[in-house]
Protein backbone atom coordinates (compact mmCIF):
# COMPACT_ATOMS: atom_id res chain seq x y z
CA MET A 1 -4.72 5.42 7.39
CA ASP A 2 -1.66 3.88 8.56
CA ARG A 3 1.35 2.86 6.43
CA LYS A 4 0.49 -0.37 5.93
CA ALA A 5 -2.97 0.46 4.79
CA ILE A 6 -1.46 2.64 2.02
CA GLU A 7 1.19 0.05 0.85
CA ASP A 8 -1.97 -2.48 0.93
CA VAL A 9 -3.44 -0.33 -1.49
CA LEU A 10 -0.37 0.36 -3.72
CA TYR A 11 0.39 -3.70 -3.88
CA GLN A 12 -3.24 -4.86 -4.67
CA ALA A 13 -3.33 -1.87 -6.97
CA ALA A 14 0.68 -3.40 -8.99
CA GLU A 15 -0.89 -7.05 -8.66
CA THR A 16 -4.14 -5.80 -9.96
CA VAL A 17 -2.51 -4.22 -13.22
CA LEU A 18 0.33 -6.26 -13.53
CA GLU A 19 -1.68 -9.77 -13.82
CA THR A 20 -4.31 -8.17 -15.77
CA ALA A 21 -2.58 -5.47 -18.36
CA ALA A 22 0.80 -6.57 -18.32
CA LEU A 23 0.56 -10.82 -17.93
CA THR A 24 3.02 -10.71 -15.32
CA TRP A 25 2.45 -12.53 -12.52
CA VAL A 26 3.26 -11.10 -9.30
CA GLU A 27 4.75 -13.13 -6.49
CA ASP A 28 5.45 -11.63 -3.10
CA VAL A 29 6.42 -8.15 -1.49
CA GLU A 30 10.05 -8.17 -0.75
CA GLU A 31 11.52 -5.86 2.02
CA GLY A 32 14.98 -5.11 2.08
CA TYR A 33 15.22 -5.21 -1.81
CA GLU A 34 17.96 -2.79 -3.74
CA LEU A 35 17.27 -1.74 -7.24
CA GLU A 36 20.35 0.06 -7.59
CA GLY A 37 22.80 -2.70 -8.80
CA ARG A 38 20.42 -4.11 -10.98
CA GLY A 39 21.21 -2.00 -14.34
CA ARG A 40 19.54 0.77 -15.58
CA VAL A 41 16.33 1.41 -13.86
CA ILE A 42 13.31 3.05 -15.77
CA ALA A 43 11.91 5.75 -13.35
CA ALA A 44 8.59 7.69 -13.58
CA ARG A 45 5.69 9.72 -11.47
CA MET A 46 2.08 10.96 -11.25
CA ASP A 47 1.31 13.98 -9.94
CA PHE A 48 -1.83 14.81 -8.17
CA ASP A 49 -3.13 17.93 -6.51
CA GLY A 50 -6.88 18.90 -5.23
CA HIS A 51 -8.06 17.71 -2.11
CA ALA A 52 -4.50 16.26 -1.11
CA SER A 53 -1.52 16.68 -3.04
CA GLY A 54 1.71 14.42 -3.95
CA PHE A 55 2.83 11.64 -6.61
CA VAL A 56 3.01 8.37 -7.20
CA ALA A 57 6.05 7.04 -8.90
CA VAL A 58 7.04 3.71 -9.82
CA ALA A 59 11.07 2.35 -10.22
CA VAL A 60 11.54 -0.58 -12.97
CA PRO A 61 14.90 -2.15 -13.82
CA GLU A 62 15.07 -2.38 -17.41
CA GLU A 63 14.64 -5.63 -18.19
CA LEU A 64 11.77 -5.65 -16.65
CA GLY A 65 10.23 -2.42 -18.58
CA SER A 66 11.58 -4.61 -21.64
CA VAL A 67 8.59 -7.55 -20.44
CA LEU A 68 6.17 -5.00 -19.77
CA ALA A 69 6.74 -3.43 -23.11
CA ALA A 70 6.33 -6.56 -24.98
CA ASN A 71 3.43 -7.69 -22.96
CA MET A 72 1.52 -4.44 -23.08
CA VAL A 73 1.81 -3.89 -26.65
CA GLY A 74 2.14 -7.82 -28.13
CA THR A 75 5.23 -7.38 -29.83
CA ASP A 76 7.17 -11.36 -30.00
CA GLU A 77 9.09 -12.85 -27.46
CA ASP A 78 11.85 -12.97 -29.50
CA GLN A 79 11.78 -9.14 -30.35
CA SER A 80 13.14 -7.32 -27.61
CA ALA A 81 11.32 -3.84 -26.93
CA ASP A 82 13.54 -0.68 -27.35
CA ALA A 83 13.99 1.89 -24.33
CA VAL A 84 11.08 4.08 -25.51
CA ASP A 85 9.36 1.49 -25.73
CA ALA A 86 9.75 0.00 -22.29
CA LEU A 87 9.21 3.47 -20.97
CA ASP A 88 5.82 4.02 -22.43
CA ALA A 89 5.22 0.67 -20.74
CA VAL A 90 5.99 1.92 -17.61
CA LYS A 91 4.09 5.38 -17.76
CA GLU A 92 1.14 3.29 -18.80
CA LEU A 93 1.42 1.21 -15.90
CA LEU A 94 2.01 4.11 -13.40
CA ASN A 95 -0.79 5.10 -15.59
CA MET A 96 -3.20 2.55 -14.40
CA VAL A 97 -2.15 1.77 -10.80
CA GLY A 98 -2.10 5.74 -10.47
CA MET A 99 -5.05 5.92 -10.87
CA ILE A 100 -6.61 2.92 -8.49
CA VAL A 101 -3.99 4.39 -5.96
CA VAL A 102 -5.78 7.64 -6.18
CA GLU A 103 -9.12 6.21 -6.31
CA SER A 104 -8.69 3.62 -3.56
CA LEU A 105 -7.39 6.42 -1.25
CA PHE A 106 -9.39 9.57 -2.14
CA ARG A 107 -12.56 7.83 -2.36
CA GLY A 108 -15.32 10.71 -4.18
CA ARG A 109 -12.60 13.18 -3.61
CA GLU A 110 -11.49 16.38 -6.29
CA ILE A 111 -8.13 15.19 -7.00
CA ALA A 112 -6.53 16.33 -10.75
CA VAL A 113 -3.95 14.11 -12.04
CA SER A 114 -1.18 14.85 -14.38
CA PRO A 115 0.10 12.66 -17.42
CA PRO A 116 2.84 10.27 -16.24
CA ARG A 117 6.19 11.58 -16.69
CA GLU A 118 9.97 9.87 -16.58
CA MET A 119 11.96 10.72 -13.86
CA ASP A 120 15.77 10.24 -13.45
CA PHE A 121 16.05 7.48 -10.61
CA SER A 122 18.41 9.52 -8.47
CA ASP A 123 15.82 12.06 -8.36
CA TYR A 124 13.39 9.00 -7.29
CA MET A 125 15.95 7.65 -5.03
CA GLU A 126 16.02 11.24 -3.21
CA PRO A 127 12.15 12.06 -2.72
CA ALA A 128 11.35 15.21 -0.32
CA ALA A 129 11.97 14.81 2.57
CA ARG A 130 8.89 13.99 5.14
CA GLY A 131 7.66 17.07 6.52
CA PRO A 132 4.83 17.48 9.33
CA GLY A 133 1.34 16.36 6.94
CA MET A 134 3.65 14.36 4.44
CA GLU A 135 3.29 10.68 4.25
CA LYS A 136 5.43 8.25 2.64
CA ALA A 137 4.96 4.67 1.62
CA ARG A 138 7.02 2.28 -0.54
CA VAL A 139 6.48 -0.97 -1.75
CA GLY A 140 8.65 -3.44 -3.18
CA ILE A 141 6.83 -6.10 -5.92
CA VAL A 142 8.50 -9.17 -6.93
CA THR A 143 7.48 -10.30 -10.48
CA GLU A 144 8.50 -13.56 -12.20
CA GLU A 145 11.17 -11.52 -13.72
CA SER A 146 12.55 -9.39 -11.28
CA VAL A 147 11.52 -6.73 -8.70
CA MET A 148 9.96 -3.30 -9.15
CA GLU A 149 9.05 -0.74 -6.24
CA LEU A 150 6.08 1.60 -6.20
CA PHE A 151 6.48 5.06 -3.91
CA LEU A 152 3.64 7.05 -2.67
CA MET A 153 4.01 10.52 -1.04
CA VAL A 154 1.17 12.36 -0.11
CA GLU A 155 0.50 15.70 1.92
CA GLY A 156 -3.60 16.53 2.88
CA GLU A 157 -6.02 13.53 3.84
CA ILE A 158 -6.53 10.20 3.16
CA GLY A 159 -10.14 9.08 3.34
CA GLY A 160 -11.50 11.53 5.45
CA LEU A 161 -8.22 11.24 8.17
CA PRO A 162 -4.89 13.32 8.28
CA VAL A 163 -1.63 12.02 7.13
């Protein structure tokens, strides 16, 4: 499977979850975006293992994390979500997006998925170097409020095809 097809899966999964569960409208895919310099960034990852192994990760500026928390748990707009709520919302977003991505890429294959966990943004920015049999894909997603990024690293086969 080529990188563009993987990026399309990431984008479609994010669009579906953001618009249905987080009530946040997706406007476009952005290239050349920078999350650094946008203030505090919340990053989380969800590992998977089995037929293929790797992880799906997300990085979201804190202000978007607060919007996601408010939308997903139904707090009033004039109440700001705290950092714990924002992290929980980002992990739940990743859980939903990650499951769609894993199911789309590995249809019917045996894959175990771990719960999403917070990761340091500096670790997010420096994922493992691509080695033989490793595939990486990134997509920047523009919402009404901000930009976020989804990242996938996988080793093994996608859709029966080696990466």
